[in-house]
PDB file of all heavy atoms in Angstrom:
ATOM      1  N   GLY A   1     -11.147 -16.239  16.227  1.00  0.00           N
ATOM      2  CA  GLY A   1     -10.596 -16.705  14.927  1.00  0.00           C
ATOM      3  C   GLY A   1     -11.123 -16.002  13.758  1.00  0.00           C
ATOM      4  O   GLY A   1     -10.402 -15.682  12.814  1.00  0.00           O
ATOM      5  N   CYS A   2     -12.476 -15.724  13.737  1.00  0.00           N
ATOM      6  CA  CYS A   2     -13.042 -15.028  12.610  1.00  0.00           C
ATOM      7  C   CYS A   2     -12.470 -13.615  12.453  1.00  0.00           C
ATOM      8  O   CYS A   2     -12.136 -13.162  11.351  1.00  0.00           O
ATOM      9  CB  CYS A   2     -14.553 -14.927  12.802  1.00  0.00           C
ATOM     10  SG  CYS A   2     -15.484 -16.423  12.507  1.00  0.00           S
ATOM     11  N   ILE A   3     -12.336 -12.925  13.553  1.00  0.00           N
ATOM     12  CA  ILE A   3     -11.777 -11.566  13.519  1.00  0.00           C
ATOM     13  C   ILE A   3     -10.318 -11.642  13.063  1.00  0.00           C
ATOM     14  O   ILE A   3      -9.853 -10.790  12.224  1.00  0.00           O
ATOM     15  CB  ILE A   3     -11.843 -10.935  14.907  1.00  0.00           C
ATOM     16  CG1 ILE A   3     -13.304 -10.550  15.204  1.00  0.00           C
ATOM     17  CG2 ILE A   3     -10.937  -9.700  14.972  1.00  0.00           C
ATOM     18  CD1 ILE A   3     -13.811  -9.359  14.425  1.00  0.00           C
ATOM     19  N   SER A   4      -9.550 -12.605  13.567  1.00  0.00           N
ATOM     20  CA  SER A   4      -8.086 -12.682  13.228  1.00  0.00           C
ATOM     21  C   SER A   4      -7.847 -13.094  11.827  1.00  0.00           C
ATOM     22  O   SER A   4      -6.761 -12.899  11.301  1.00  0.00           O
ATOM     23  CB  SER A   4      -7.449 -13.686  14.206  1.00  0.00           C
ATOM     24  OG  SER A   4      -7.617 -13.307  15.585  1.00  0.00           O
ATOM     25  N   THR A   5      -8.831 -13.722  11.154  1.00  0.00           N
ATOM     26  CA  THR A   5      -8.598 -14.159   9.786  1.00  0.00           C
ATOM     27  C   THR A   5      -8.654 -13.071   8.803  1.00  0.00           C
ATOM     28  O   THR A   5      -7.833 -13.063   7.815  1.00  0.00           O
ATOM     29  CB  THR A   5      -9.730 -15.222   9.432  1.00  0.00           C
ATOM     30  OG1 THR A   5      -9.659 -16.290  10.330  1.00  0.00           O
ATOM     31  CG2 THR A   5      -9.555 -15.733   8.008  1.00  0.00           C
ATOM     32  N   THR A   6      -9.474 -12.039   9.013  1.00  0.00           N
ATOM     33  CA  THR A   6      -9.656 -10.998   7.995  1.00  0.00           C
ATOM     34  C   THR A   6      -9.151  -9.577   8.424  1.00  0.00           C
ATOM     35  O   THR A   6      -8.515  -8.922   7.689  1.00  0.00           O
ATOM     36  CB  THR A   6     -11.111 -10.848   7.627  1.00  0.00           C
ATOM     37  OG1 THR A   6     -11.879 -10.607   8.831  1.00  0.00           O
ATOM     38  CG2 THR A   6     -11.642 -12.193   7.002  1.00  0.00           C
ATOM     39  N   VAL A   7      -9.462  -9.244   9.683  1.00  0.00           N
ATOM     40  CA  VAL A   7      -9.202  -7.811  10.079  1.00  0.00           C
ATOM     41  C   VAL A   7      -7.680  -7.488  10.140  1.00  0.00           C
ATOM     42  O   VAL A   7      -7.271  -6.449   9.662  1.00  0.00           O
ATOM     43  CB  VAL A   7      -9.847  -7.584  11.463  1.00  0.00           C
ATOM     44  CG1 VAL A   7      -9.482  -6.200  11.984  1.00  0.00           C
ATOM     45  CG2 VAL A   7     -11.372  -7.646  11.296  1.00  0.00           C
ATOM     46  N   PRO A   8      -6.803  -8.356  10.753  1.00  0.00           N
ATOM     47  CA  PRO A   8      -5.400  -7.938  10.779  1.00  0.00           C
ATOM     48  C   PRO A   8      -4.790  -7.699   9.400  1.00  0.00           C
ATOM     49  O   PRO A   8      -4.016  -6.740   9.213  1.00  0.00           O
ATOM     50  CB  PRO A   8      -4.730  -9.104  11.543  1.00  0.00           C
ATOM     51  CG  PRO A   8      -5.790  -9.657  12.361  1.00  0.00           C
ATOM     52  CD  PRO A   8      -7.024  -9.529  11.509  1.00  0.00           C
ATOM     53  N   LYS A   9      -5.116  -8.573   8.465  1.00  0.00           N
ATOM     54  CA  LYS A   9      -4.577  -8.432   7.114  1.00  0.00           C
ATOM     55  C   LYS A   9      -5.062  -7.147   6.448  1.00  0.00           C
ATOM     56  O   LYS A   9      -4.345  -6.371   5.796  1.00  0.00           O
ATOM     57  CB  LYS A   9      -4.954  -9.630   6.241  1.00  0.00           C
ATOM     58  CG  LYS A   9      -4.524  -9.549   4.812  1.00  0.00           C
ATOM     59  CD  LYS A   9      -3.031  -9.500   4.613  1.00  0.00           C
ATOM     60  CE  LYS A   9      -2.647  -9.520   3.183  1.00  0.00           C
ATOM     61  NZ  LYS A   9      -1.145  -9.342   3.017  1.00  0.00           N
ATOM     62  N   ALA A  10      -6.394  -6.844   6.692  1.00  0.00           N
ATOM     63  CA  ALA A  10      -6.951  -5.605   6.099  1.00  0.00           C
ATOM     64  C   ALA A  10      -6.293  -4.402   6.733  1.00  0.00           C
ATOM     65  O   ALA A  10      -6.007  -3.378   6.030  1.00  0.00           O
ATOM     66  CB  ALA A  10      -8.460  -5.617   6.302  1.00  0.00           C
ATOM     67  N   MET A  11      -6.063  -4.424   8.034  1.00  0.00           N
ATOM     68  CA  MET A  11      -5.432  -3.299   8.721  1.00  0.00           C
ATOM     69  C   MET A  11      -4.011  -3.105   8.238  1.00  0.00           C
ATOM     70  O   MET A  11      -3.560  -1.959   8.010  1.00  0.00           O
ATOM     71  CB  MET A  11      -5.463  -3.486  10.249  1.00  0.00           C
ATOM     72  CG  MET A  11      -6.844  -3.479  10.856  1.00  0.00           C
ATOM     73  SD  MET A  11      -6.846  -3.891  12.601  1.00  0.00           S
ATOM     74  CE  MET A  11      -5.859  -2.520  13.226  1.00  0.00           C
ATOM     75  N   ALA A  12      -3.264  -4.223   8.057  1.00  0.00           N
ATOM     76  CA  ALA A  12      -1.934  -4.078   7.545  1.00  0.00           C
ATOM     77  C   ALA A  12      -1.885  -3.530   6.155  1.00  0.00           C
ATOM     78  O   ALA A  12      -1.008  -2.673   5.824  1.00  0.00           O
ATOM     79  CB  ALA A  12      -1.249  -5.462   7.597  1.00  0.00           C
ATOM     80  N   ASN A  13      -2.811  -3.951   5.282  1.00  0.00           N
ATOM     81  CA  ASN A  13      -2.835  -3.426   3.923  1.00  0.00           C
ATOM     82  C   ASN A  13      -3.141  -1.971   3.914  1.00  0.00           C
ATOM     83  O   ASN A  13      -2.639  -1.191   3.134  1.00  0.00           O
ATOM     84  CB  ASN A  13      -3.907  -4.201   3.091  1.00  0.00           C
ATOM     85  CG  ASN A  13      -3.472  -5.581   2.755  1.00  0.00           C
ATOM     86  OD1 ASN A  13      -2.298  -5.940   2.951  1.00  0.00           O
ATOM     87  ND2 ASN A  13      -4.359  -6.381   2.189  1.00  0.00           N
ATOM     88  N   SER A  14      -4.040  -1.541   4.846  1.00  0.00           N
ATOM     89  CA  SER A  14      -4.410  -0.153   4.916  1.00  0.00           C
ATOM     90  C   SER A  14      -3.236   0.734   5.435  1.00  0.00           C
ATOM     91  O   SER A  14      -2.950   1.790   4.913  1.00  0.00           O
ATOM     92  CB  SER A  14      -5.552   0.021   5.878  1.00  0.00           C
ATOM     93  OG  SER A  14      -5.909   1.403   6.030  1.00  0.00           O
ATOM     94  N   LEU A  15      -2.478   0.206   6.374  1.00  0.00           N
ATOM     95  CA  LEU A  15      -1.323   0.976   6.901  1.00  0.00           C
ATOM     96  C   LEU A  15      -0.200   1.060   5.863  1.00  0.00           C
ATOM     97  O   LEU A  15       0.495   2.052   5.808  1.00  0.00           O
ATOM     98  CB  LEU A  15      -0.802   0.295   8.190  1.00  0.00           C
ATOM     99  CG  LEU A  15      -1.713   0.404   9.403  1.00  0.00           C
ATOM    100  CD1 LEU A  15      -1.172  -0.410  10.588  1.00  0.00           C
ATOM    101  CD2 LEU A  15      -1.871   1.865   9.843  1.00  0.00           C
ATOM    102  N   TRP A  16      -0.004  -0.006   5.142  1.00  0.00           N
ATOM    103  CA  TRP A  16       1.136  -0.090   4.166  1.00  0.00           C
ATOM    104  C   TRP A  16       0.668   0.381   2.750  1.00  0.00           C
ATOM    105  O   TRP A  16       1.423   0.275   1.795  1.00  0.00           O
ATOM    106  CB  TRP A  16       1.691  -1.496   4.109  1.00  0.00           C
ATOM    107  CG  TRP A  16       2.348  -1.876   5.415  1.00  0.00           C
ATOM    108  CD1 TRP A  16       2.871  -0.992   6.332  1.00  0.00           C
ATOM    109  CD2 TRP A  16       2.494  -3.214   5.887  1.00  0.00           C
ATOM    110  NE1 TRP A  16       3.426  -1.767   7.396  1.00  0.00           N
ATOM    111  CE2 TRP A  16       3.186  -3.117   7.171  1.00  0.00           C
ATOM    112  CE3 TRP A  16       2.165  -4.488   5.435  1.00  0.00           C
ATOM    113  CZ2 TRP A  16       3.481  -4.179   7.928  1.00  0.00           C
ATOM    114  CZ3 TRP A  16       2.522  -5.583   6.187  1.00  0.00           C
ATOM    115  CH2 TRP A  16       3.161  -5.438   7.417  1.00  0.00           C
ATOM    116  N   ASP A  17      -0.615   0.792   2.649  1.00  0.00           N
ATOM    117  CA  ASP A  17      -1.189   1.224   1.352  1.00  0.00           C
ATOM    118  C   ASP A  17      -0.951   0.212   0.259  1.00  0.00           C
ATOM    119  O   ASP A  17      -0.425   0.513  -0.838  1.00  0.00           O
ATOM    120  CB  ASP A  17      -0.491   2.589   0.954  1.00  0.00           C
ATOM    121  CG  ASP A  17      -1.280   3.256  -0.100  1.00  0.00           C
ATOM    122  OD1 ASP A  17      -2.465   2.961  -0.311  1.00  0.00           O
ATOM    123  OD2 ASP A  17      -0.674   4.100  -0.839  1.00  0.00           O
ATOM    124  N   THR A  18      -1.366  -0.978   0.488  1.00  0.00           N
ATOM    125  CA  THR A  18      -1.267  -2.095  -0.467  1.00  0.00           C
ATOM    126  C   THR A  18      -2.470  -2.965  -0.331  1.00  0.00           C
ATOM    127  O   THR A  18      -3.175  -2.976   0.696  1.00  0.00           O
ATOM    128  CB  THR A  18      -0.010  -2.875  -0.271  1.00  0.00           C
ATOM    129  OG1 THR A  18       0.042  -3.976  -1.271  1.00  0.00           O
ATOM    130  CG2 THR A  18       0.013  -3.542   1.116  1.00  0.00           C
ATOM    131  N   ARG A  19      -2.804  -3.710  -1.388  1.00  0.00           N
ATOM    132  CA  ARG A  19      -3.903  -4.678  -1.387  1.00  0.00           C
ATOM    133  C   ARG A  19      -3.423  -6.027  -1.852  1.00  0.00           C
ATOM    134  O   ARG A  19      -4.223  -6.863  -2.243  1.00  0.00           O
ATOM    135  CB  ARG A  19      -5.033  -4.160  -2.309  1.00  0.00           C
ATOM    136  CG  ARG A  19      -5.631  -2.853  -1.866  1.00  0.00           C
ATOM    137  CD  ARG A  19      -6.847  -2.478  -2.765  1.00  0.00           C
ATOM    138  NE  ARG A  19      -7.861  -3.468  -2.662  1.00  0.00           N
ATOM    139  CZ  ARG A  19      -8.991  -3.426  -3.405  1.00  0.00           C
ATOM    140  NH1 ARG A  19      -9.175  -2.430  -4.297  1.00  0.00           N
ATOM    141  NH2 ARG A  19      -9.925  -4.319  -3.268  1.00  0.00           N
ATOM    142  N   ALA A  20      -2.159  -6.242  -1.750  1.00  0.00           N
ATOM    143  CA  ALA A  20      -1.573  -7.497  -2.280  1.00  0.00           C
ATOM    144  C   ALA A  20      -1.776  -8.682  -1.260  1.00  0.00           C
ATOM    145  O   ALA A  20      -1.681  -8.475  -0.107  1.00  0.00           O
ATOM    146  CB  ALA A  20      -0.116  -7.327  -2.579  1.00  0.00           C
ATOM    147  N   ILE A  21      -2.011  -9.818  -1.844  1.00  0.00           N
ATOM    148  CA  ILE A  21      -2.060 -11.072  -1.052  1.00  0.00           C
ATOM    149  C   ILE A  21      -1.688 -12.202  -1.975  1.00  0.00           C
ATOM    150  O   ILE A  21      -2.057 -12.216  -3.153  1.00  0.00           O
ATOM    151  CB  ILE A  21      -3.474 -11.328  -0.424  1.00  0.00           C
ATOM    152  CG1 ILE A  21      -3.434 -12.577   0.490  1.00  0.00           C
ATOM    153  CG2 ILE A  21      -4.562 -11.514  -1.493  1.00  0.00           C
ATOM    154  CD1 ILE A  21      -4.682 -12.754   1.316  1.00  0.00           C
ATOM    155  N   SER A  22      -0.903 -13.146  -1.552  1.00  0.00           N
ATOM    156  CA  SER A  22      -0.435 -14.210  -2.386  1.00  0.00           C
ATOM    157  C   SER A  22      -1.615 -15.201  -2.647  1.00  0.00           C
ATOM    158  O   SER A  22      -2.627 -15.216  -1.999  1.00  0.00           O
ATOM    159  CB  SER A  22       0.689 -14.983  -1.702  1.00  0.00           C
ATOM    160  OG  SER A  22       0.196 -15.666  -0.545  1.00  0.00           O
ATOM    161  N   TYR A  23      -1.449 -16.010  -3.694  1.00  0.00           N
ATOM    162  CA  TYR A  23      -2.453 -16.994  -4.064  1.00  0.00           C
ATOM    163  C   TYR A  23      -2.679 -17.919  -2.943  1.00  0.00           C
ATOM    164  O   TYR A  23      -3.831 -18.255  -2.535  1.00  0.00           O
ATOM    165  CB  TYR A  23      -2.006 -17.709  -5.362  1.00  0.00           C
ATOM    166  CG  TYR A  23      -3.011 -18.714  -5.893  1.00  0.00           C
ATOM    167  CD1 TYR A  23      -3.998 -18.288  -6.740  1.00  0.00           C
ATOM    168  CD2 TYR A  23      -2.963 -20.049  -5.549  1.00  0.00           C
ATOM    169  CE1 TYR A  23      -4.971 -19.151  -7.254  1.00  0.00           C
ATOM    170  CE2 TYR A  23      -3.863 -20.946  -6.118  1.00  0.00           C
ATOM    171  CZ  TYR A  23      -4.886 -20.491  -6.911  1.00  0.00           C
ATOM    172  OH  TYR A  23      -5.770 -21.354  -7.427  1.00  0.00           O
ATOM    173  N   LEU A  24      -1.566 -18.486  -2.362  1.00  0.00           N
ATOM    174  CA  LEU A  24      -1.687 -19.388  -1.248  1.00  0.00           C
ATOM    175  C   LEU A  24      -2.276 -18.692  -0.006  1.00  0.00           C
ATOM    176  O   LEU A  24      -3.116 -19.275   0.717  1.00  0.00           O
ATOM    177  CB  LEU A  24      -0.291 -19.948  -0.874  1.00  0.00           C
ATOM    178  CG  LEU A  24      -0.262 -20.924   0.334  1.00  0.00           C
ATOM    179  CD1 LEU A  24      -1.100 -22.168   0.040  1.00  0.00           C
ATOM    180  CD2 LEU A  24       1.200 -21.309   0.592  1.00  0.00           C
ATOM    181  N   GLY A  25      -1.857 -17.440   0.227  1.00  0.00           N
ATOM    182  CA  GLY A  25      -2.462 -16.701   1.353  1.00  0.00           C
ATOM    183  C   GLY A  25      -3.919 -16.479   1.200  1.00  0.00           C
ATOM    184  O   GLY A  25      -4.679 -16.564   2.165  1.00  0.00           O
ATOM    185  N   CYS A  26      -4.400 -16.263  -0.028  1.00  0.00           N
ATOM    186  CA  CYS A  26      -5.810 -16.095  -0.266  1.00  0.00           C
ATOM    187  C   CYS A  26      -6.577 -17.415   0.015  1.00  0.00           C
ATOM    188  O   CYS A  26      -7.661 -17.371   0.609  1.00  0.00           O
ATOM    189  CB  CYS A  26      -5.986 -15.655  -1.705  1.00  0.00           C
ATOM    190  SG  CYS A  26      -7.750 -15.292  -2.151  1.00  0.00           S
ATOM    191  N   ALA A  27      -5.988 -18.515  -0.453  1.00  0.00           N
ATOM    192  CA  ALA A  27      -6.579 -19.809  -0.181  1.00  0.00           C
ATOM    193  C   ALA A  27      -6.706 -20.130   1.275  1.00  0.00           C
ATOM    194  O   ALA A  27      -7.708 -20.586   1.816  1.00  0.00           O
ATOM    195  CB  ALA A  27      -5.851 -20.910  -0.911  1.00  0.00           C
ATOM    196  N   VAL A  28      -5.609 -19.819   1.993  1.00  0.00           N
ATOM    197  CA  VAL A  28      -5.598 -20.097   3.442  1.00  0.00           C
ATOM    198  C   VAL A  28      -6.599 -19.198   4.174  1.00  0.00           C
ATOM    199  O   VAL A  28      -7.330 -19.657   5.059  1.00  0.00           O
ATOM    200  CB  VAL A  28      -4.179 -19.835   4.029  1.00  0.00           C
ATOM    201  CG1 VAL A  28      -4.179 -19.892   5.548  1.00  0.00           C
ATOM    202  CG2 VAL A  28      -3.221 -20.929   3.474  1.00  0.00           C
ATOM    203  N   GLN A  29      -6.682 -17.948   3.813  1.00  0.00           N
ATOM    204  CA  GLN A  29      -7.648 -17.025   4.413  1.00  0.00           C
ATOM    205  C   GLN A  29      -9.075 -17.483   4.180  1.00  0.00           C
ATOM    206  O   GLN A  29      -9.849 -17.478   5.112  1.00  0.00           O
ATOM    207  CB  GLN A  29      -7.421 -15.657   3.848  1.00  0.00           C
ATOM    208  CG  GLN A  29      -8.282 -14.558   4.564  1.00  0.00           C
ATOM    209  CD  GLN A  29      -8.139 -13.204   3.951  1.00  0.00           C
ATOM    210  OE1 GLN A  29      -8.489 -12.978   2.791  1.00  0.00           O
ATOM    211  NE2 GLN A  29      -7.610 -12.251   4.722  1.00  0.00           N
ATOM    212  N   LEU A  30      -9.375 -17.909   2.958  1.00  0.00           N
ATOM    213  CA  LEU A  30     -10.749 -18.360   2.597  1.00  0.00           C
ATOM    214  C   LEU A  30     -11.071 -19.619   3.425  1.00  0.00           C
ATOM    215  O   LEU A  30     -12.151 -19.742   3.951  1.00  0.00           O
ATOM    216  CB  LEU A  30     -10.842 -18.604   1.171  1.00  0.00           C
ATOM    217  CG  LEU A  30     -12.201 -19.140   0.688  1.00  0.00           C
ATOM    218  CD1 LEU A  30     -13.302 -18.157   0.943  1.00  0.00           C
ATOM    219  CD2 LEU A  30     -12.131 -19.501  -0.814  1.00  0.00           C
ATOM    220  N   PHE A  31     -10.078 -20.540   3.546  1.00  0.00           N
ATOM    221  CA  PHE A  31     -10.342 -21.798   4.240  1.00  0.00           C
ATOM    222  C   PHE A  31     -10.665 -21.520   5.711  1.00  0.00           C
ATOM    223  O   PHE A  31     -11.705 -22.019   6.225  1.00  0.00           O
ATOM    224  CB  PHE A  31      -9.128 -22.696   4.125  1.00  0.00           C
ATOM    225  CG  PHE A  31      -9.187 -23.878   5.034  1.00  0.00           C
ATOM    226  CD1 PHE A  31      -9.946 -24.996   4.696  1.00  0.00           C
ATOM    227  CD2 PHE A  31      -8.510 -23.946   6.279  1.00  0.00           C
ATOM    228  CE1 PHE A  31     -10.041 -26.097   5.527  1.00  0.00           C
ATOM    229  CE2 PHE A  31      -8.600 -25.006   7.148  1.00  0.00           C
ATOM    230  CZ  PHE A  31      -9.376 -26.089   6.744  1.00  0.00           C
ATOM    231  N   PHE A  32      -9.846 -20.714   6.391  1.00  0.00           N
ATOM    232  CA  PHE A  32     -10.092 -20.484   7.823  1.00  0.00           C
ATOM    233  C   PHE A  32     -11.354 -19.599   8.023  1.00  0.00           C
ATOM    234  O   PHE A  32     -12.060 -19.866   9.013  1.00  0.00           O
ATOM    235  CB  PHE A  32      -8.883 -19.822   8.403  1.00  0.00           C
ATOM    236  CG  PHE A  32      -7.785 -20.752   8.766  1.00  0.00           C
ATOM    237  CD1 PHE A  32      -6.626 -20.870   8.002  1.00  0.00           C
ATOM    238  CD2 PHE A  32      -7.909 -21.552   9.880  1.00  0.00           C
ATOM    239  CE1 PHE A  32      -5.647 -21.733   8.334  1.00  0.00           C
ATOM    240  CE2 PHE A  32      -6.950 -22.457  10.294  1.00  0.00           C
ATOM    241  CZ  PHE A  32      -5.777 -22.558   9.431  1.00  0.00           C
ATOM    242  N   PHE A  33     -11.630 -18.737   7.118  1.00  0.00           N
ATOM    243  CA  PHE A  33     -12.860 -17.943   7.290  1.00  0.00           C
ATOM    244  C   PHE A  33     -14.086 -18.812   7.163  1.00  0.00           C
ATOM    245  O   PHE A  33     -15.028 -18.744   8.026  1.00  0.00           O
ATOM    246  CB  PHE A  33     -12.885 -16.815   6.215  1.00  0.00           C
ATOM    247  CG  PHE A  33     -14.139 -15.961   6.361  1.00  0.00           C
ATOM    248  CD1 PHE A  33     -14.204 -15.015   7.357  1.00  0.00           C
ATOM    249  CD2 PHE A  33     -15.179 -16.078   5.445  1.00  0.00           C
ATOM    250  CE1 PHE A  33     -15.341 -14.211   7.481  1.00  0.00           C
ATOM    251  CE2 PHE A  33     -16.318 -15.279   5.525  1.00  0.00           C
ATOM    252  CZ  PHE A  33     -16.377 -14.346   6.575  1.00  0.00           C
ATOM    253  N   LEU A  34     -14.143 -19.671   6.132  1.00  0.00           N
ATOM    254  CA  LEU A  34     -15.278 -20.565   6.001  1.00  0.00           C
ATOM    255  C   LEU A  34     -15.358 -21.555   7.127  1.00  0.00           C
ATOM    256  O   LEU A  34     -16.485 -21.860   7.660  1.00  0.00           O
ATOM    257  CB  LEU A  34     -15.194 -21.326   4.635  1.00  0.00           C
ATOM    258  CG  LEU A  34     -15.466 -20.574   3.392  1.00  0.00           C
ATOM    259  CD1 LEU A  34     -15.174 -21.437   2.158  1.00  0.00           C
ATOM    260  CD2 LEU A  34     -16.880 -20.017   3.371  1.00  0.00           C
ATOM    261  N   PHE A  35     -14.199 -22.076   7.525  1.00  0.00           N
ATOM    262  CA  PHE A  35     -14.204 -23.022   8.649  1.00  0.00           C
ATOM    263  C   PHE A  35     -14.744 -22.446   9.888  1.00  0.00           C
ATOM    264  O   PHE A  35     -15.697 -23.024  10.570  1.00  0.00           O
ATOM    265  CB  PHE A  35     -12.734 -23.479   8.841  1.00  0.00           C
ATOM    266  CG  PHE A  35     -12.478 -24.181  10.135  1.00  0.00           C
ATOM    267  CD1 PHE A  35     -13.338 -25.161  10.640  1.00  0.00           C
ATOM    268  CD2 PHE A  35     -11.302 -23.915  10.852  1.00  0.00           C
ATOM    269  CE1 PHE A  35     -13.066 -25.807  11.844  1.00  0.00           C
ATOM    270  CE2 PHE A  35     -11.021 -24.577  12.052  1.00  0.00           C
ATOM    271  CZ  PHE A  35     -11.906 -25.490  12.552  1.00  0.00           C
ATOM    272  N   LEU A  36     -14.288 -21.334  10.325  1.00  0.00           N
ATOM    273  CA  LEU A  36     -14.696 -20.704  11.605  1.00  0.00           C
ATOM    274  C   LEU A  36     -16.142 -20.178  11.547  1.00  0.00           C
ATOM    275  O   LEU A  36     -16.898 -20.308  12.472  1.00  0.00           O
ATOM    276  CB  LEU A  36     -13.740 -19.590  11.973  1.00  0.00           C
ATOM    277  CG  LEU A  36     -12.315 -19.999  12.216  1.00  0.00           C
ATOM    278  CD1 LEU A  36     -11.366 -18.810  12.234  1.00  0.00           C
ATOM    279  CD2 LEU A  36     -12.203 -20.814  13.490  1.00  0.00           C
ATOM    280  N   PHE A  37     -16.469 -19.636  10.356  1.00  0.00           N
ATOM    281  CA  PHE A  37     -17.832 -19.085  10.181  1.00  0.00           C
ATOM    282  C   PHE A  37     -18.887 -20.173  10.188  1.00  0.00           C
ATOM    283  O   PHE A  37     -19.958 -20.038  10.854  1.00  0.00           O
ATOM    284  CB  PHE A  37     -17.896 -18.248   8.889  1.00  0.00           C
ATOM    285  CG  PHE A  37     -18.742 -17.070   9.006  1.00  0.00           C
ATOM    286  CD1 PHE A  37     -18.305 -15.953   9.739  1.00  0.00           C
ATOM    287  CD2 PHE A  37     -19.987 -16.919   8.351  1.00  0.00           C
ATOM    288  CE1 PHE A  37     -19.051 -14.797   9.837  1.00  0.00           C
ATOM    289  CE2 PHE A  37     -20.725 -15.790   8.455  1.00  0.00           C
ATOM    290  CZ  PHE A  37     -20.286 -14.748   9.207  1.00  0.00           C
ATOM    291  N   THR A  38     -18.633 -21.267   9.485  1.00  0.00           N
ATOM    292  CA  THR A  38     -19.555 -22.414   9.467  1.00  0.00           C
ATOM    293  C   THR A  38     -19.633 -23.054  10.816  1.00  0.00           C
ATOM    294  O   THR A  38     -20.694 -23.444  11.276  1.00  0.00           O
ATOM    295  CB  THR A  38     -19.117 -23.447   8.385  1.00  0.00           C
ATOM    296  OG1 THR A  38     -18.978 -22.757   7.128  1.00  0.00           O
ATOM    297  CG2 THR A  38     -20.155 -24.546   8.264  1.00  0.00           C
ATOM    298  N   ALA A  39     -18.497 -23.286  11.488  1.00  0.00           N
ATOM    299  CA  ALA A  39     -18.513 -23.875  12.787  1.00  0.00           C
ATOM    300  C   ALA A  39     -19.293 -23.010  13.778  1.00  0.00           C
ATOM    301  O   ALA A  39     -20.003 -23.574  14.656  1.00  0.00           O
ATOM    302  CB  ALA A  39     -17.040 -24.086  13.267  1.00  0.00           C
TER     303      ALA A  39
END
């Protein structure tokens, strides 16, 4: 889960040459990263 929360989005941004993420997407990413990392 930790890998899937950050790495796929970073890889997609690198392939598509963009760094965009929505406000809701940022909140969801932060939630799952903290959740899985703390657990």
